[in-house]
Amino acid sequence: MSKKSKKQNAKNGTWALCITAGLMLGLGMTPMFGNLFISLIVCGIGGGIAGYFFTRK
């Protein structure tokens, strides 16, 4: 594997980890929002934003 492909795989893993953590947080926050779908969407988007900030240069 080249160095470039290893870095790309690491970035993809970070994105996936952040989005998954956001979705799990959304499941835990469901009673606060009162709606499962809204909490999953909001926290999933938040996880995506966190993944963006962790992987940008």
N, C-alpha and C. Protein backbone atom coordinates (compact mmCIF):
# COMPACT_ATOMS: atom_id res chain seq x y z
N MET A 1 0.83 -1.18 0.00
CA MET A 1 0.00 0.00 0.00
C MET A 1 0.87 1.24 0.00
N SER A 2 0.42 2.23 -0.72
CA SER A 2 1.16 3.48 -0.71
C SER A 2 0.76 4.33 0.49
N LYS A 3 1.56 5.35 0.77
CA LYS A 3 1.26 6.23 1.91
C LYS A 3 -0.06 6.96 1.70
N LYS A 4 -0.35 7.32 0.45
CA LYS A 4 -1.57 8.05 0.15
C LYS A 4 -2.80 7.20 0.46
N SER A 5 -2.79 5.94 0.08
CA SER A 5 -3.95 5.09 0.33
C SER A 5 -4.13 4.83 1.82
N LYS A 6 -3.04 4.74 2.58
CA LYS A 6 -3.15 4.55 4.02
C LYS A 6 -3.78 5.76 4.68
N LYS A 7 -3.40 6.96 4.24
CA LYS A 7 -3.98 8.18 4.80
C LYS A 7 -5.46 8.27 4.43
N GLN A 8 -5.81 7.89 3.22
CA GLN A 8 -7.22 7.94 2.79
C GLN A 8 -8.05 6.97 3.61
N ASN A 9 -7.52 5.77 3.89
CA ASN A 9 -8.25 4.80 4.70
C ASN A 9 -8.44 5.30 6.12
N ALA A 10 -7.44 6.00 6.65
CA ALA A 10 -7.55 6.55 7.99
C ALA A 10 -8.62 7.63 8.04
N LYS A 11 -8.70 8.46 7.01
CA LYS A 11 -9.72 9.51 6.97
C LYS A 11 -11.11 8.89 6.89
N ASN A 12 -11.27 7.87 6.07
CA ASN A 12 -12.57 7.22 5.96
C ASN A 12 -12.97 6.59 7.28
N GLY A 13 -12.02 6.01 7.99
CA GLY A 13 -12.31 5.41 9.29
C GLY A 13 -12.72 6.45 10.31
N THR A 14 -12.10 7.62 10.26
CA THR A 14 -12.45 8.69 11.18
C THR A 14 -13.86 9.19 10.91
N TRP A 15 -14.19 9.35 9.63
CA TRP A 15 -15.56 9.77 9.27
C TRP A 15 -16.57 8.76 9.79
N ALA A 16 -16.32 7.49 9.54
CA ALA A 16 -17.26 6.44 9.95
C ALA A 16 -17.41 6.40 11.46
N LEU A 17 -16.30 6.54 12.19
CA LEU A 17 -16.34 6.53 13.65
C LEU A 17 -17.15 7.71 14.18
N CYS A 18 -16.95 8.89 13.63
CA CYS A 18 -17.67 10.08 14.11
C CYS A 18 -19.16 9.98 13.82
N ILE A 19 -19.52 9.53 12.64
CA ILE A 19 -20.94 9.41 12.30
C ILE A 19 -21.60 8.34 13.16
N THR A 20 -20.92 7.22 13.36
CA THR A 20 -21.48 6.15 14.21
C THR A 20 -21.64 6.62 15.64
N ALA A 21 -20.65 7.35 16.15
CA ALA A 21 -20.77 7.89 17.51
C ALA A 21 -21.94 8.86 17.60
N GLY A 22 -22.14 9.67 16.57
CA GLY A 22 -23.27 10.58 16.55
C GLY A 22 -24.60 9.85 16.55
N LEU A 23 -24.68 8.77 15.80
CA LEU A 23 -25.93 8.00 15.77
C LEU A 23 -26.21 7.33 17.12
N MET A 24 -25.16 6.81 17.76
CA MET A 24 -25.34 6.20 19.08
C MET A 24 -25.74 7.27 20.11
N LEU A 25 -25.15 8.44 20.02
CA LEU A 25 -25.54 9.54 20.89
C LEU A 25 -26.99 9.92 20.64
N GLY A 26 -27.40 9.88 19.38
CA GLY A 26 -28.79 10.18 19.04
C GLY A 26 -29.76 9.19 19.66
N LEU A 27 -29.37 7.92 19.69
CA LEU A 27 -30.23 6.93 20.35
C LEU A 27 -30.38 7.22 21.83
N GLY A 28 -29.29 7.66 22.45
CA GLY A 28 -29.34 7.97 23.87
C GLY A 28 -30.12 9.24 24.18
N MET A 29 -30.16 10.16 23.22
CA MET A 29 -30.84 11.44 23.44
C MET A 29 -32.30 11.43 22.99
N THR A 30 -32.79 10.29 22.57
CA THR A 30 -34.17 10.19 22.09
C THR A 30 -35.19 10.69 23.12
N PRO A 31 -35.08 10.35 24.40
CA PRO A 31 -36.07 10.87 25.35
C PRO A 31 -36.05 12.40 25.46
N MET A 32 -34.89 13.01 25.23
CA MET A 32 -34.82 14.47 25.30
C MET A 32 -35.57 15.12 24.14
N PHE A 33 -35.38 14.56 22.93
CA PHE A 33 -36.05 15.12 21.76
C PHE A 33 -37.49 14.64 21.65
N GLY A 34 -37.76 13.46 22.13
CA GLY A 34 -39.11 12.91 22.05
C GLY A 34 -39.42 12.23 20.72
N ASN A 35 -38.45 12.20 19.81
CA ASN A 35 -38.67 11.59 18.51
C ASN A 35 -37.37 10.92 18.07
N LEU A 36 -37.43 9.65 17.74
CA LEU A 36 -36.24 8.88 17.37
C LEU A 36 -35.60 9.41 16.10
N PHE A 37 -36.39 9.66 15.09
CA PHE A 37 -35.84 10.06 13.79
C PHE A 37 -35.18 11.43 13.85
N ILE A 38 -35.77 12.36 14.56
CA ILE A 38 -35.18 13.69 14.66
C ILE A 38 -33.85 13.62 15.40
N SER A 39 -33.80 12.86 16.50
CA SER A 39 -32.56 12.78 17.26
C SER A 39 -31.47 12.08 16.45
N LEU A 40 -31.81 11.03 15.69
CA LEU A 40 -30.81 10.35 14.87
C LEU A 40 -30.28 11.26 13.77
N ILE A 41 -31.17 12.01 13.14
CA ILE A 41 -30.76 12.90 12.06
C ILE A 41 -29.86 14.02 12.59
N VAL A 42 -30.29 14.66 13.68
CA VAL A 42 -29.52 15.78 14.24
C VAL A 42 -28.15 15.31 14.70
N CYS A 43 -28.09 14.22 15.44
CA CYS A 43 -26.81 13.74 15.96
C CYS A 43 -25.95 13.12 14.86
N GLY A 44 -26.55 12.50 13.86
CA GLY A 44 -25.79 11.97 12.73
C GLY A 44 -25.14 13.09 11.93
N ILE A 45 -25.86 14.17 11.72
CA ILE A 45 -25.29 15.33 11.03
C ILE A 45 -24.18 15.95 11.89
N GLY A 46 -24.42 16.01 13.20
CA GLY A 46 -23.38 16.51 14.10
C GLY A 46 -22.13 15.66 14.05
N GLY A 47 -22.29 14.36 13.97
CA GLY A 47 -21.14 13.47 13.84
C GLY A 47 -20.40 13.68 12.52
N GLY A 48 -21.15 13.93 11.46
CA GLY A 48 -20.53 14.22 10.17
C GLY A 48 -19.73 15.51 10.20
N ILE A 49 -20.26 16.51 10.88
CA ILE A 49 -19.55 17.78 11.02
C ILE A 49 -18.28 17.58 11.84
N ALA A 50 -18.39 16.80 12.92
CA ALA A 50 -17.20 16.51 13.74
C ALA A 50 -16.16 15.76 12.92
N GLY A 51 -16.59 14.81 12.10
CA GLY A 51 -15.67 14.08 11.23
C GLY A 51 -14.98 14.98 10.25
N TYR A 52 -15.70 15.97 9.73
CA TYR A 52 -15.10 16.93 8.81
C TYR A 52 -13.99 17.72 9.50
N PHE A 53 -14.27 18.21 10.71
CA PHE A 53 -13.27 19.00 11.41
C PHE A 53 -12.07 18.17 11.85
N PHE A 54 -12.26 16.88 12.13
CA PHE A 54 -11.14 16.03 12.52
C PHE A 54 -10.25 15.67 11.33
N THR A 55 -10.81 15.59 10.11
CA THR A 55 -10.03 15.13 8.96
C THR A 55 -9.52 16.25 8.08
N ARG A 56 -9.97 17.47 8.27
CA ARG A 56 -9.47 18.55 7.40
C ARG A 56 -8.03 18.90 7.79
N LYS A 57 -7.33 19.51 6.86
CA LYS A 57 -5.92 19.85 7.11
C LYS A 57 -5.79 21.11 7.92
